[in-house]
Amino acid sequence: MEVSQRSGPVEEPPGHRWAAILGTGVAIVTLTLPIIMIASYSPSGSNAQPIPQATYQTKIRANSME
């Protein structure tokens, strides 16, 4: 019998079950956390007040009145 040949069943390394579970958990957190953070910091529908933006015309008028 040659050294390179093995008799009997071939043993495979044990599966990385915890690594798969941890990877799935990290993926779920990575996909959901940004959505949750954006939703918590964004203004809620009807209570949102638009911020008035100064336009070029209002700046000219303000400077000409001085």
PDB file of N, CA and C in Angstrom:
ATOM      1  N   MET A   1       0.845  -1.168   0.000  1.00  0.00           N
ATOM      2  CA  MET A   1       0.000   0.000   0.000  1.00  0.00           C
ATOM      3  C   MET A   1       0.896   1.238   0.000  1.00  0.00           C
ATOM      4  N   GLU A   2       0.550   2.201  -0.834  1.00  0.00           N
ATOM      5  CA  GLU A   2       1.339   3.419  -0.914  1.00  0.00           C
ATOM      6  C   GLU A   2       0.941   4.375   0.210  1.00  0.00           C
ATOM      7  N   VAL A   3       1.855   5.265   0.521  1.00  0.00           N
ATOM      8  CA  VAL A   3       1.635   6.205   1.613  1.00  0.00           C
ATOM      9  C   VAL A   3       0.552   7.226   1.249  1.00  0.00           C
ATOM     10  N   SER A   4       0.462   7.605  -0.022  1.00  0.00           N
ATOM     11  CA  SER A   4      -0.485   8.640  -0.426  1.00  0.00           C
ATOM     12  C   SER A   4      -1.934   8.153  -0.426  1.00  0.00           C
ATOM     13  N   GLN A   5      -2.140   6.845  -0.382  1.00  0.00           N
ATOM     14  CA  GLN A   5      -3.495   6.322  -0.373  1.00  0.00           C
ATOM     15  C   GLN A   5      -3.924   6.034   1.054  1.00  0.00           C
ATOM     16  N   ARG A   6      -5.176   6.399   1.356  1.00  0.00           N
ATOM     17  CA  ARG A   6      -5.713   6.140   2.680  1.00  0.00           C
ATOM     18  C   ARG A   6      -6.837   5.135   2.568  1.00  0.00           C
ATOM     19  N   SER A   7      -6.918   4.307   3.529  1.00  0.00           N
ATOM     20  CA  SER A   7      -8.031   3.375   3.556  1.00  0.00           C
ATOM     21  C   SER A   7      -9.067   3.876   4.557  1.00  0.00           C
ATOM     22  N   GLY A   8     -10.315   3.560   4.328  1.00  0.00           N
ATOM     23  CA  GLY A   8     -11.377   3.967   5.232  1.00  0.00           C
ATOM     24  C   GLY A   8     -12.033   5.261   4.790  1.00  0.00           C
ATOM     25  N   PRO A   9     -12.999   5.718   5.578  1.00  0.00           N
ATOM     26  CA  PRO A   9     -13.732   6.930   5.205  1.00  0.00           C
ATOM     27  C   PRO A   9     -12.857   8.181   5.323  1.00  0.00           C
ATOM     28  N   VAL A  10     -13.124   9.130   4.452  1.00  0.00           N
ATOM     29  CA  VAL A  10     -12.387  10.391   4.469  1.00  0.00           C
ATOM     30  C   VAL A  10     -13.053  11.308   5.492  1.00  0.00           C
ATOM     31  N   GLU A  11     -12.260  11.801   6.408  1.00  0.00           N
ATOM     32  CA  GLU A  11     -12.806  12.695   7.438  1.00  0.00           C
ATOM     33  C   GLU A  11     -12.762  14.127   6.936  1.00  0.00           C
ATOM     34  N   GLU A  12     -13.890  14.804   7.064  1.00  0.00           N
ATOM     35  CA  GLU A  12     -13.964  16.209   6.684  1.00  0.00           C
ATOM     36  C   GLU A  12     -13.943  17.053   7.955  1.00  0.00           C
ATOM     37  N   PRO A  13     -13.433  18.252   7.857  1.00  0.00           N
ATOM     38  CA  PRO A  13     -13.410  19.102   9.052  1.00  0.00           C
ATOM     39  C   PRO A  13     -14.841  19.426   9.488  1.00  0.00           C
ATOM     40  N   PRO A  14     -15.040  19.658  10.779  1.00  0.00           N
ATOM     41  CA  PRO A  14     -16.384  19.971  11.260  1.00  0.00           C
ATOM     42  C   PRO A  14     -16.892  21.272  10.641  1.00  0.00           C
ATOM     43  N   GLY A  15     -18.194  21.352  10.449  1.00  0.00           N
ATOM     44  CA  GLY A  15     -18.783  22.550   9.852  1.00  0.00           C
ATOM     45  C   GLY A  15     -18.660  23.749  10.773  1.00  0.00           C
ATOM     46  N   HIS A  16     -18.671  24.888  10.203  1.00  0.00           N
ATOM     47  CA  HIS A  16     -18.557  26.125  10.965  1.00  0.00           C
ATOM     48  C   HIS A  16     -19.950  26.687  11.205  1.00  0.00           C
ATOM     49  N   ARG A  17     -20.704  25.990  12.038  1.00  0.00           N
ATOM     50  CA  ARG A  17     -22.101  26.364  12.274  1.00  0.00           C
ATOM     51  C   ARG A  17     -22.211  27.728  12.943  1.00  0.00           C
ATOM     52  N   TRP A  18     -21.397  27.958  13.961  1.00  0.00           N
ATOM     53  CA  TRP A  18     -21.476  29.242  14.667  1.00  0.00           C
ATOM     54  C   TRP A  18     -21.039  30.398  13.777  1.00  0.00           C
ATOM     55  N   ALA A  19     -20.111  30.159  12.895  1.00  0.00           N
ATOM     56  CA  ALA A  19     -19.682  31.211  11.975  1.00  0.00           C
ATOM     57  C   ALA A  19     -20.811  31.585  11.023  1.00  0.00           C
ATOM     58  N   ALA A  20     -21.574  30.609  10.583  1.00  0.00           N
ATOM     59  CA  ALA A  20     -22.703  30.890   9.692  1.00  0.00           C
ATOM     60  C   ALA A  20     -23.793  31.658  10.433  1.00  0.00           C
ATOM     61  N   ILE A  21     -24.053  31.283  11.670  1.00  0.00           N
ATOM     62  CA  ILE A  21     -25.069  31.984  12.466  1.00  0.00           C
ATOM     63  C   ILE A  21     -24.624  33.415  12.739  1.00  0.00           C
ATOM     64  N   LEU A  22     -23.377  33.588  13.118  1.00  0.00           N
ATOM     65  CA  LEU A  22     -22.846  34.923  13.383  1.00  0.00           C
ATOM     66  C   LEU A  22     -22.859  35.778  12.115  1.00  0.00           C
ATOM     67  N   GLY A  23     -22.487  35.205  11.000  1.00  0.00           N
ATOM     68  CA  GLY A  23     -22.506  35.946   9.733  1.00  0.00           C
ATOM     69  C   GLY A  23     -23.905  36.378   9.346  1.00  0.00           C
ATOM     70  N   THR A  24     -24.881  35.506   9.576  1.00  0.00           N
ATOM     71  CA  THR A  24     -26.269  35.864   9.286  1.00  0.00           C
ATOM     72  C   THR A  24     -26.732  36.998  10.192  1.00  0.00           C
ATOM     73  N   GLY A  25     -26.366  36.933  11.456  1.00  0.00           N
ATOM     74  CA  GLY A  25     -26.722  38.000  12.393  1.00  0.00           C
ATOM     75  C   GLY A  25     -26.110  39.335  12.011  1.00  0.00           C
ATOM     76  N   VAL A  26     -24.858  39.317  11.628  1.00  0.00           N
ATOM     77  CA  VAL A  26     -24.182  40.550  11.197  1.00  0.00           C
ATOM     78  C   VAL A  26     -24.837  41.105   9.940  1.00  0.00           C
ATOM     79  N   ALA A  27     -25.201  40.243   9.013  1.00  0.00           N
ATOM     80  CA  ALA A  27     -25.859  40.699   7.782  1.00  0.00           C
ATOM     81  C   ALA A  27     -27.209  41.342   8.081  1.00  0.00           C
ATOM     82  N   ILE A  28     -27.980  40.740   8.973  1.00  0.00           N
ATOM     83  CA  ILE A  28     -29.295  41.299   9.314  1.00  0.00           C
ATOM     84  C   ILE A  28     -29.137  42.655   9.983  1.00  0.00           C
ATOM     85  N   VAL A  29     -28.207  42.766  10.919  1.00  0.00           N
ATOM     86  CA  VAL A  29     -27.984  44.049  11.597  1.00  0.00           C
ATOM     87  C   VAL A  29     -27.491  45.100  10.607  1.00  0.00           C
ATOM     88  N   THR A  30     -26.604  44.710   9.702  1.00  0.00           N
ATOM     89  CA  THR A  30     -26.070  45.644   8.716  1.00  0.00           C
ATOM     90  C   THR A  30     -27.154  46.173   7.789  1.00  0.00           C
ATOM     91  N   LEU A  31     -28.122  45.351   7.462  1.00  0.00           N
ATOM     92  CA  LEU A  31     -29.181  45.781   6.555  1.00  0.00           C
ATOM     93  C   LEU A  31     -30.299  46.541   7.259  1.00  0.00           C
ATOM     94  N   THR A  32     -30.573  46.228   8.512  1.00  0.00           N
ATOM     95  CA  THR A  32     -31.713  46.855   9.188  1.00  0.00           C
ATOM     96  C   THR A  32     -31.344  48.084  10.010  1.00  0.00           C
ATOM     97  N   LEU A  33     -30.164  48.121  10.591  1.00  0.00           N
ATOM     98  CA  LEU A  33     -29.794  49.240  11.455  1.00  0.00           C
ATOM     99  C   LEU A  33     -29.817  50.590  10.738  1.00  0.00           C
ATOM    100  N   PRO A  34     -29.272  50.724   9.529  1.00  0.00           N
ATOM    101  CA  PRO A  34     -29.359  52.034   8.860  1.00  0.00           C
ATOM    102  C   PRO A  34     -30.803  52.479   8.619  1.00  0.00           C
ATOM    103  N   ILE A  35     -31.673  51.554   8.263  1.00  0.00           N
ATOM    104  CA  ILE A  35     -33.075  51.908   8.026  1.00  0.00           C
ATOM    105  C   ILE A  35     -33.730  52.381   9.322  1.00  0.00           C
ATOM    106  N   ILE A  36     -33.454  51.701  10.413  1.00  0.00           N
ATOM    107  CA  ILE A  36     -34.020  52.091  11.706  1.00  0.00           C
ATOM    108  C   ILE A  36     -33.490  53.457  12.130  1.00  0.00           C
ATOM    109  N   MET A  37     -32.209  53.708  11.944  1.00  0.00           N
ATOM    110  CA  MET A  37     -31.627  54.995  12.339  1.00  0.00           C
ATOM    111  C   MET A  37     -32.169  56.135  11.492  1.00  0.00           C
ATOM    112  N   ILE A  38     -32.301  55.921  10.194  1.00  0.00           N
ATOM    113  CA  ILE A  38     -32.861  56.962   9.323  1.00  0.00           C
ATOM    114  C   ILE A  38     -34.301  57.249   9.716  1.00  0.00           C
ATOM    115  N   ALA A  39     -35.079  56.217   9.992  1.00  0.00           N
ATOM    116  CA  ALA A  39     -36.477  56.402  10.369  1.00  0.00           C
ATOM    117  C   ALA A  39     -36.609  57.115  11.711  1.00  0.00           C
ATOM    118  N   SER A  40     -35.706  56.866  12.637  1.00  0.00           N
ATOM    119  CA  SER A  40     -35.819  57.493  13.953  1.00  0.00           C
ATOM    120  C   SER A  40     -35.385  58.959  13.936  1.00  0.00           C
ATOM    121  N   TYR A  41     -34.502  59.341  13.034  1.00  0.00           N
ATOM    122  CA  TYR A  41     -34.035  60.726  12.990  1.00  0.00           C
ATOM    123  C   TYR A  41     -34.733  61.575  11.932  1.00  0.00           C
ATOM    124  N   SER A  42     -35.539  60.983  11.081  1.00  0.00           N
ATOM    125  CA  SER A  42     -36.233  61.769  10.070  1.00  0.00           C
ATOM    126  C   SER A  42     -37.502  62.358  10.680  1.00  0.00           C
ATOM    127  N   PRO A  43     -37.904  63.539  10.209  1.00  0.00           N
ATOM    128  CA  PRO A  43     -39.123  64.152  10.748  1.00  0.00           C
ATOM    129  C   PRO A  43     -40.343  63.314  10.382  1.00  0.00           C
ATOM    130  N   SER A  44     -41.289  63.271  11.300  1.00  0.00           N
ATOM    131  CA  SER A  44     -42.490  62.477  11.042  1.00  0.00           C
ATOM    132  C   SER A  44     -43.473  63.301  10.226  1.00  0.00           C
ATOM    133  N   GLY A  45     -44.017  62.708   9.196  1.00  0.00           N
ATOM    134  CA  GLY A  45     -44.949  63.247   8.210  1.00  0.00           C
ATOM    135  C   GLY A  45     -45.580  64.599   8.450  1.00  0.00           C
ATOM    136  N   SER A  46     -46.700  64.691   9.160  1.00  0.00           N
ATOM    137  CA  SER A  46     -47.481  65.923   9.243  1.00  0.00           C
ATOM    138  C   SER A  46     -46.865  66.946  10.183  1.00  0.00           C
ATOM    139  N   ASN A  47     -46.007  66.553  11.097  1.00  0.00           N
ATOM    140  CA  ASN A  47     -45.411  67.493  12.043  1.00  0.00           C
ATOM    141  C   ASN A  47     -44.186  68.201  11.479  1.00  0.00           C
ATOM    142  N   ALA A  48     -43.766  67.827  10.319  1.00  0.00           N
ATOM    143  CA  ALA A  48     -42.558  68.399   9.734  1.00  0.00           C
ATOM    144  C   ALA A  48     -42.828  69.811   9.220  1.00  0.00           C
ATOM    145  N   GLN A  49     -41.984  70.722   9.617  1.00  0.00           N
ATOM    146  CA  GLN A  49     -42.065  72.106   9.152  1.00  0.00           C
ATOM    147  C   GLN A  49     -40.912  72.354   8.192  1.00  0.00           C
ATOM    148  N   PRO A  50     -41.205  72.818   6.986  1.00  0.00           N
ATOM    149  CA  PRO A  50     -40.106  73.076   6.052  1.00  0.00           C
ATOM    150  C   PRO A  50     -39.254  74.250   6.527  1.00  0.00           C
ATOM    151  N   ILE A  51     -37.986  74.167   6.300  1.00  0.00           N
ATOM    152  CA  ILE A  51     -37.068  75.237   6.663  1.00  0.00           C
ATOM    153  C   ILE A  51     -37.038  76.230   5.510  1.00  0.00           C
ATOM    154  N   PRO A  52     -37.352  77.499   5.779  1.00  0.00           N
ATOM    155  CA  PRO A  52     -37.335  78.473   4.688  1.00  0.00           C
ATOM    156  C   PRO A  52     -35.912  78.700   4.193  1.00  0.00           C
ATOM    157  N   GLN A  53     -35.761  78.688   2.898  1.00  0.00           N
ATOM    158  CA  GLN A  53     -34.464  78.883   2.288  1.00  0.00           C
ATOM    159  C   GLN A  53     -34.382  80.302   1.724  1.00  0.00           C
ATOM    160  N   ALA A  54     -33.311  80.981   2.034  1.00  0.00           N
ATOM    161  CA  ALA A  54     -33.101  82.315   1.498  1.00  0.00           C
ATOM    162  C   ALA A  54     -32.720  82.194   0.027  1.00  0.00           C
ATOM    163  N   THR A  55     -33.448  82.875  -0.821  1.00  0.00           N
ATOM    164  CA  THR A  55     -33.141  82.829  -2.243  1.00  0.00           C
ATOM    165  C   THR A  55     -32.244  84.006  -2.609  1.00  0.00           C
ATOM    166  N   TYR A  56     -31.782  83.991  -3.799  1.00  0.00           N
ATOM    167  CA  TYR A  56     -30.920  85.055  -4.285  1.00  0.00           C
ATOM    168  C   TYR A  56     -31.663  86.394  -4.284  1.00  0.00           C
ATOM    169  N   GLN A  57     -32.950  86.391  -4.659  1.00  0.00           N
ATOM    170  CA  GLN A  57     -33.741  87.623  -4.715  1.00  0.00           C
ATOM    171  C   GLN A  57     -33.905  88.237  -3.330  1.00  0.00           C
ATOM    172  N   THR A  58     -34.159  87.428  -2.313  1.00  0.00           N
ATOM    173  CA  THR A  58     -34.338  87.983  -0.975  1.00  0.00           C
ATOM    174  C   THR A  58     -33.032  88.549  -0.427  1.00  0.00           C
ATOM    175  N   LYS A  59     -31.906  87.998  -0.805  1.00  0.00           N
ATOM    176  CA  LYS A  59     -30.634  88.538  -0.383  1.00  0.00           C
ATOM    177  C   LYS A  59     -30.364  89.882  -1.031  1.00  0.00           C
ATOM    178  N   ILE A  60     -30.735  90.033  -2.314  1.00  0.00           N
ATOM    179  CA  ILE A  60     -30.545  91.302  -3.020  1.00  0.00           C
ATOM    180  C   ILE A  60     -31.423  92.371  -2.391  1.00  0.00           C
ATOM    181  N   ARG A  61     -32.666  92.029  -2.114  1.00  0.00           N
ATOM    182  CA  ARG A  61     -33.594  92.993  -1.498  1.00  0.00           C
ATOM    183  C   ARG A  61     -33.110  93.416  -0.123  1.00  0.00           C
ATOM    184  N   ALA A  62     -32.613  92.471   0.668  1.00  0.00           N
ATOM    185  CA  ALA A  62     -32.139  92.788   2.009  1.00  0.00           C
ATOM    186  C   ALA A  62     -30.916  93.711   1.939  1.00  0.00           C
ATOM    187  N   ASN A  63     -30.051  93.513   0.981  1.00  0.00           N
ATOM    188  CA  ASN A  63     -28.854  94.353   0.846  1.00  0.00           C
ATOM    189  C   ASN A  63     -29.218  95.728   0.303  1.00  0.00           C
ATOM    190  N   SER A  64     -30.228  95.821  -0.552  1.00  0.00           N
ATOM    191  CA  SER A  64     -30.583  97.121  -1.135  1.00  0.00           C
ATOM    192  C   SER A  64     -31.346  97.993  -0.139  1.00  0.00           C
ATOM    193  N   MET A  65     -31.947  97.426   0.878  1.00  0.00           N
ATOM    194  CA  MET A  65     -32.694  98.199   1.855  1.00  0.00           C
ATOM    195  C   MET A  65     -31.782  98.769   2.921  1.00  0.00           C
ATOM    196  N   GLU A  66     -30.574  98.332   3.003  1.00  0.00           N
ATOM    197  CA  GLU A  66     -29.657  98.821   4.048  1.00  0.00           C
ATOM    198  C   GLU A  66     -29.143 100.191   3.757  1.00  0.00           C
TER     199      GLU A  66
END
